[in-house]
Structure formats: C-alpha cells, structure tokens
C-alpha cells in the first residue's frame, strides 16, 4: 500500500471516529447507524448517491463483505487512540 493510501485510510478513520470522541456515538455499534458520518454508508447501513465507498473498500479487500469487515476492524482499532495531531490543521505536506 502506498503512503497516500495509508494517509487516506488514517484520515477516513480519524474523521469517522469523531462522533465517538465527541460522545455523540457511544461505541462502534452505534457509529454503524450514526447518520451524520460516512461510516454508516461504507458499512452499507445508509446510501448517498454522491458518496463513493468503493475507493475506500477496495483498499481492504476484493469482496464487499470481506472489505467491510476489515474496514470495521481497522476503525475499531482506532477508537482508543484519541486525537491525532497529524490529522488536524491542514493535512500532510507532500513533496
């Protein structure tokens, strides 16, 4: 996986975990159903015609089921991390 993909996945995880960090969603199960983040769309619980989930899911696996499971596990591992200064304030500089 190239560095840009790693950064993309970390950024997606960080953004999607904001409701848990803010105390709006209490855990991953409630985040799966939370309507105001793209996580529930990636998990297939809601649909937005304008949101592309394939570009994220393809980084986790070939089948949608396996990719969603791996994506959810990846997000789950980020719950205890708290705020990440590298994900705030404008992003990563590229050369």
N, C-alpha and C. Protein backbone atom coordinates (compact mmCIF):
# COMPACT_ATOMS: atom_id res chain seq x y z
N UNK A 1 0.85 -1.17 0.00
CA UNK A 1 0.00 0.00 0.00
C UNK A 1 0.90 1.24 0.00
N UNK A 2 0.62 2.18 -0.88
CA UNK A 2 1.47 3.37 -0.94
C UNK A 2 1.14 4.34 0.20
N UNK A 3 2.04 5.26 0.44
CA UNK A 3 1.91 6.18 1.57
C UNK A 3 0.63 7.00 1.49
N UNK A 4 0.20 7.40 0.28
CA UNK A 4 -1.02 8.16 0.13
C UNK A 4 -2.23 7.36 0.59
N UNK A 5 -2.26 6.06 0.28
CA UNK A 5 -3.37 5.21 0.73
C UNK A 5 -3.38 5.06 2.24
N UNK A 6 -2.21 4.94 2.84
CA UNK A 6 -2.13 4.83 4.30
C UNK A 6 -2.67 6.11 4.93
N UNK A 7 -2.26 7.25 4.39
CA UNK A 7 -2.76 8.53 4.91
C UNK A 7 -4.27 8.64 4.71
N UNK A 8 -4.76 8.25 3.53
CA UNK A 8 -6.20 8.29 3.26
C UNK A 8 -6.96 7.46 4.28
N UNK A 9 -6.51 6.23 4.54
CA UNK A 9 -7.21 5.36 5.49
C UNK A 9 -7.17 5.93 6.90
N UNK A 10 -6.04 6.47 7.30
CA UNK A 10 -5.95 7.09 8.63
C UNK A 10 -6.88 8.29 8.73
N UNK A 11 -6.95 9.07 7.66
CA UNK A 11 -7.83 10.23 7.65
C UNK A 11 -9.30 9.82 7.71
N UNK A 12 -9.69 8.83 6.91
CA UNK A 12 -11.07 8.33 6.94
C UNK A 12 -11.41 7.82 8.34
N UNK A 13 -10.53 7.04 8.93
CA UNK A 13 -10.78 6.51 10.27
C UNK A 13 -10.91 7.65 11.28
N UNK A 14 -9.99 8.59 11.21
CA UNK A 14 -9.99 9.71 12.15
C UNK A 14 -11.30 10.51 12.05
N UNK A 15 -11.71 10.84 10.84
CA UNK A 15 -12.94 11.60 10.64
C UNK A 15 -14.15 10.81 11.10
N UNK A 16 -14.21 9.54 10.75
CA UNK A 16 -15.38 8.74 11.09
C UNK A 16 -15.48 8.45 12.58
N UNK A 17 -14.38 8.54 13.30
CA UNK A 17 -14.42 8.34 14.76
C UNK A 17 -14.74 9.61 15.54
N UNK A 18 -14.85 10.74 14.87
CA UNK A 18 -15.17 11.99 15.57
C UNK A 18 -16.43 11.89 16.43
N UNK A 19 -17.53 11.27 15.98
CA UNK A 19 -18.72 11.19 16.85
C UNK A 19 -18.47 10.41 18.15
N UNK A 20 -17.59 9.42 18.12
CA UNK A 20 -17.27 8.68 19.35
C UNK A 20 -16.41 9.56 20.26
N UNK A 21 -15.42 10.22 19.70
CA UNK A 21 -14.57 11.10 20.52
C UNK A 21 -15.39 12.24 21.14
N UNK A 22 -16.42 12.70 20.42
CA UNK A 22 -17.25 13.80 20.92
C UNK A 22 -18.34 13.33 21.87
N UNK A 23 -18.50 12.01 22.03
CA UNK A 23 -19.52 11.47 22.92
C UNK A 23 -20.91 11.41 22.31
N UNK A 24 -21.01 11.62 21.00
CA UNK A 24 -22.30 11.57 20.30
C UNK A 24 -22.69 10.13 20.02
N UNK A 25 -21.74 9.32 19.61
CA UNK A 25 -21.94 7.87 19.43
C UNK A 25 -21.15 7.20 20.55
N UNK A 26 -21.77 6.23 21.22
CA UNK A 26 -21.08 5.67 22.39
C UNK A 26 -20.09 4.57 22.05
N UNK A 27 -20.31 3.89 20.93
CA UNK A 27 -19.43 2.78 20.56
C UNK A 27 -19.52 2.53 19.06
N UNK A 28 -18.80 1.53 18.58
CA UNK A 28 -18.77 1.24 17.15
C UNK A 28 -20.13 0.81 16.63
N UNK A 29 -20.87 0.07 17.43
CA UNK A 29 -22.20 -0.37 17.01
C UNK A 29 -23.12 0.82 16.75
N UNK A 30 -23.09 1.81 17.63
CA UNK A 30 -23.93 3.00 17.40
C UNK A 30 -23.37 3.85 16.26
N UNK A 31 -22.05 3.84 16.07
CA UNK A 31 -21.45 4.56 14.95
C UNK A 31 -21.89 3.94 13.62
N UNK A 32 -22.06 2.61 13.60
CA UNK A 32 -22.53 1.93 12.39
C UNK A 32 -23.86 2.50 11.90
N UNK A 33 -24.68 3.01 12.82
CA UNK A 33 -26.01 3.53 12.48
C UNK A 33 -26.07 5.06 12.49
N UNK A 34 -25.00 5.72 12.88
CA UNK A 34 -25.00 7.18 13.01
C UNK A 34 -25.13 7.83 11.63
N UNK A 35 -26.12 8.70 11.49
CA UNK A 35 -26.49 9.23 10.18
C UNK A 35 -25.58 10.35 9.66
N UNK A 36 -24.76 10.93 10.51
CA UNK A 36 -24.03 12.13 10.11
C UNK A 36 -22.53 11.91 9.89
N UNK A 37 -22.17 10.72 9.49
CA UNK A 37 -20.81 10.43 9.08
C UNK A 37 -20.87 9.40 7.95
N UNK A 38 -19.83 9.34 7.15
CA UNK A 38 -19.80 8.40 6.04
C UNK A 38 -19.58 6.95 6.46
N UNK A 39 -19.25 6.73 7.72
CA UNK A 39 -19.00 5.37 8.19
C UNK A 39 -20.21 4.46 7.95
N UNK A 40 -21.41 4.94 8.28
CA UNK A 40 -22.60 4.11 8.10
C UNK A 40 -22.85 3.80 6.62
N UNK A 41 -22.42 4.67 5.74
CA UNK A 41 -22.56 4.42 4.31
C UNK A 41 -21.55 3.38 3.85
N UNK A 42 -20.32 3.49 4.31
CA UNK A 42 -19.31 2.47 3.99
C UNK A 42 -19.76 1.11 4.51
N UNK A 43 -20.40 1.09 5.67
CA UNK A 43 -20.88 -0.17 6.25
C UNK A 43 -22.16 -0.68 5.59
N UNK A 44 -22.74 0.09 4.66
CA UNK A 44 -23.93 -0.35 3.93
C UNK A 44 -25.23 -0.14 4.68
N UNK A 45 -25.23 0.66 5.73
CA UNK A 45 -26.44 0.91 6.52
C UNK A 45 -27.28 2.04 5.93
N UNK A 46 -26.65 2.93 5.18
CA UNK A 46 -27.33 4.04 4.51
C UNK A 46 -26.72 4.21 3.13
N UNK A 47 -27.39 5.03 2.30
CA UNK A 47 -26.85 5.30 0.97
C UNK A 47 -26.91 6.79 0.68
N UNK A 48 -25.87 7.28 0.07
CA UNK A 48 -25.82 8.61 -0.52
C UNK A 48 -25.35 8.41 -1.95
N UNK A 49 -26.15 8.83 -2.93
CA UNK A 49 -25.75 8.59 -4.32
C UNK A 49 -24.43 9.26 -4.69
N UNK A 50 -24.06 10.31 -3.99
CA UNK A 50 -22.85 11.06 -4.32
C UNK A 50 -21.61 10.53 -3.61
N UNK A 51 -21.78 9.64 -2.64
CA UNK A 51 -20.62 9.17 -1.87
C UNK A 51 -20.05 7.88 -2.45
N UNK A 52 -18.78 7.94 -2.82
CA UNK A 52 -18.07 6.77 -3.36
C UNK A 52 -17.47 5.98 -2.21
N UNK A 53 -17.95 4.77 -2.00
CA UNK A 53 -17.39 3.92 -0.95
C UNK A 53 -16.38 2.92 -1.52
N UNK A 54 -16.45 2.68 -2.81
CA UNK A 54 -15.58 1.67 -3.42
C UNK A 54 -14.10 2.02 -3.29
N UNK A 55 -13.76 3.30 -3.40
CA UNK A 55 -12.34 3.68 -3.34
C UNK A 55 -11.73 3.38 -1.97
N UNK A 56 -12.54 3.41 -0.92
CA UNK A 56 -12.06 3.03 0.41
C UNK A 56 -12.11 1.52 0.58
N UNK A 57 -13.24 0.93 0.24
CA UNK A 57 -13.40 -0.51 0.47
C UNK A 57 -12.42 -1.35 -0.33
N UNK A 58 -12.07 -0.93 -1.53
CA UNK A 58 -11.14 -1.73 -2.35
C UNK A 58 -9.76 -1.83 -1.71
N UNK A 59 -9.45 -0.92 -0.81
CA UNK A 59 -8.16 -0.99 -0.11
C UNK A 59 -8.16 -2.06 0.99
N UNK A 60 -9.34 -2.60 1.30
CA UNK A 60 -9.46 -3.61 2.36
C UNK A 60 -9.74 -5.01 1.83
N UNK A 61 -10.15 -5.15 0.60
CA UNK A 61 -10.42 -6.49 0.08
C UNK A 61 -11.20 -6.45 -1.21
N UNK A 62 -11.31 -7.61 -1.84
CA UNK A 62 -11.97 -7.70 -3.14
C UNK A 62 -13.47 -7.83 -3.01
N UNK A 63 -13.94 -8.63 -2.08
CA UNK A 63 -15.38 -8.76 -1.90
C UNK A 63 -15.87 -7.69 -0.94
N UNK A 64 -17.07 -7.19 -1.18
CA UNK A 64 -17.62 -6.13 -0.35
C UNK A 64 -17.76 -6.57 1.11
N UNK A 65 -18.20 -7.81 1.31
CA UNK A 65 -18.38 -8.32 2.67
C UNK A 65 -17.05 -8.35 3.44
N UNK A 66 -16.03 -8.92 2.83
CA UNK A 66 -14.71 -9.01 3.48
C UNK A 66 -14.11 -7.63 3.69
N UNK A 67 -14.26 -6.75 2.70
CA UNK A 67 -13.71 -5.40 2.81
C UNK A 67 -14.38 -4.63 3.94
N UNK A 68 -15.70 -4.76 4.07
CA UNK A 68 -16.40 -4.07 5.17
C UNK A 68 -15.95 -4.59 6.52
N UNK A 69 -15.76 -5.88 6.62
CA UNK A 69 -15.31 -6.46 7.90
C UNK A 69 -13.92 -5.93 8.26
N UNK A 70 -13.01 -5.94 7.30
CA UNK A 70 -11.65 -5.44 7.56
C UNK A 70 -11.65 -3.94 7.84
N UNK A 71 -12.47 -3.19 7.11
CA UNK A 71 -12.58 -1.75 7.36
C UNK A 71 -13.09 -1.51 8.78
N UNK A 72 -14.13 -2.22 9.18
CA UNK A 72 -14.71 -2.04 10.52
C UNK A 72 -13.68 -2.39 11.60
N UNK A 73 -12.94 -3.46 11.40
CA UNK A 73 -11.88 -3.84 12.35
C UNK A 73 -10.81 -2.73 12.43
N UNK A 74 -10.47 -2.16 11.28
CA UNK A 74 -9.50 -1.07 11.22
C UNK A 74 -9.99 0.14 12.01
N UNK A 75 -11.26 0.50 11.81
CA UNK A 75 -11.84 1.63 12.54
C UNK A 75 -11.87 1.33 14.03
N UNK A 76 -12.26 0.11 14.38
CA UNK A 76 -12.34 -0.29 15.79
C UNK A 76 -10.99 -0.13 16.49
N UNK A 77 -9.92 -0.47 15.81
CA UNK A 77 -8.58 -0.36 16.41
C UNK A 77 -8.18 1.09 16.68
N UNK A 78 -8.85 2.03 16.05
CA UNK A 78 -8.53 3.44 16.25
C UNK A 78 -9.30 4.10 17.39
N UNK A 79 -10.27 3.40 17.97
CA UNK A 79 -11.12 4.01 18.99
C UNK A 79 -10.32 4.49 20.19
N UNK A 80 -9.40 3.72 20.69
CA UNK A 80 -8.65 4.10 21.88
C UNK A 80 -7.53 5.10 21.64
N UNK A 81 -7.29 5.47 20.41
CA UNK A 81 -6.16 6.35 20.09
C UNK A 81 -6.37 7.82 20.45
N UNK A 82 -7.61 8.26 20.52
CA UNK A 82 -7.87 9.67 20.80
C UNK A 82 -7.54 10.56 19.62
N UNK A 83 -7.30 11.81 19.89
CA UNK A 83 -7.00 12.78 18.83
C UNK A 83 -5.58 12.57 18.29
N UNK A 84 -5.45 12.78 17.00
CA UNK A 84 -4.17 12.61 16.33
C UNK A 84 -3.76 13.96 15.72
N UNK A 85 -2.72 14.59 16.25
CA UNK A 85 -2.32 15.91 15.74
C UNK A 85 -1.97 15.91 14.25
N UNK A 86 -1.55 14.78 13.72
CA UNK A 86 -1.22 14.70 12.29
C UNK A 86 -2.46 14.80 11.41
N UNK A 87 -3.64 14.57 11.97
CA UNK A 87 -4.87 14.59 11.20
C UNK A 87 -5.63 15.92 11.35
N UNK A 88 -5.08 16.86 12.06
CA UNK A 88 -5.75 18.15 12.25
C UNK A 88 -4.89 19.27 11.69
N UNK A 89 -5.53 20.35 11.34
CA UNK A 89 -4.79 21.55 10.97
C UNK A 89 -4.27 21.62 9.56
N UNK A 90 -4.87 20.92 8.62
CA UNK A 90 -4.50 21.15 7.23
C UNK A 90 -3.85 20.00 6.51
N UNK A 91 -3.61 18.90 7.15
CA UNK A 91 -3.14 17.74 6.44
C UNK A 91 -1.63 17.63 6.30
N UNK A 92 -1.23 16.69 5.46
CA UNK A 92 0.16 16.32 5.29
C UNK A 92 0.76 17.08 4.11
N UNK A 93 1.96 17.54 4.26
CA UNK A 93 2.65 18.19 3.15
C UNK A 93 3.30 17.12 2.27
N UNK A 94 3.17 17.30 0.99
CA UNK A 94 3.75 16.35 0.03
C UNK A 94 4.88 17.04 -0.73
N UNK A 95 5.88 16.28 -1.12
CA UNK A 95 6.95 16.88 -1.93
C UNK A 95 6.65 16.69 -3.40
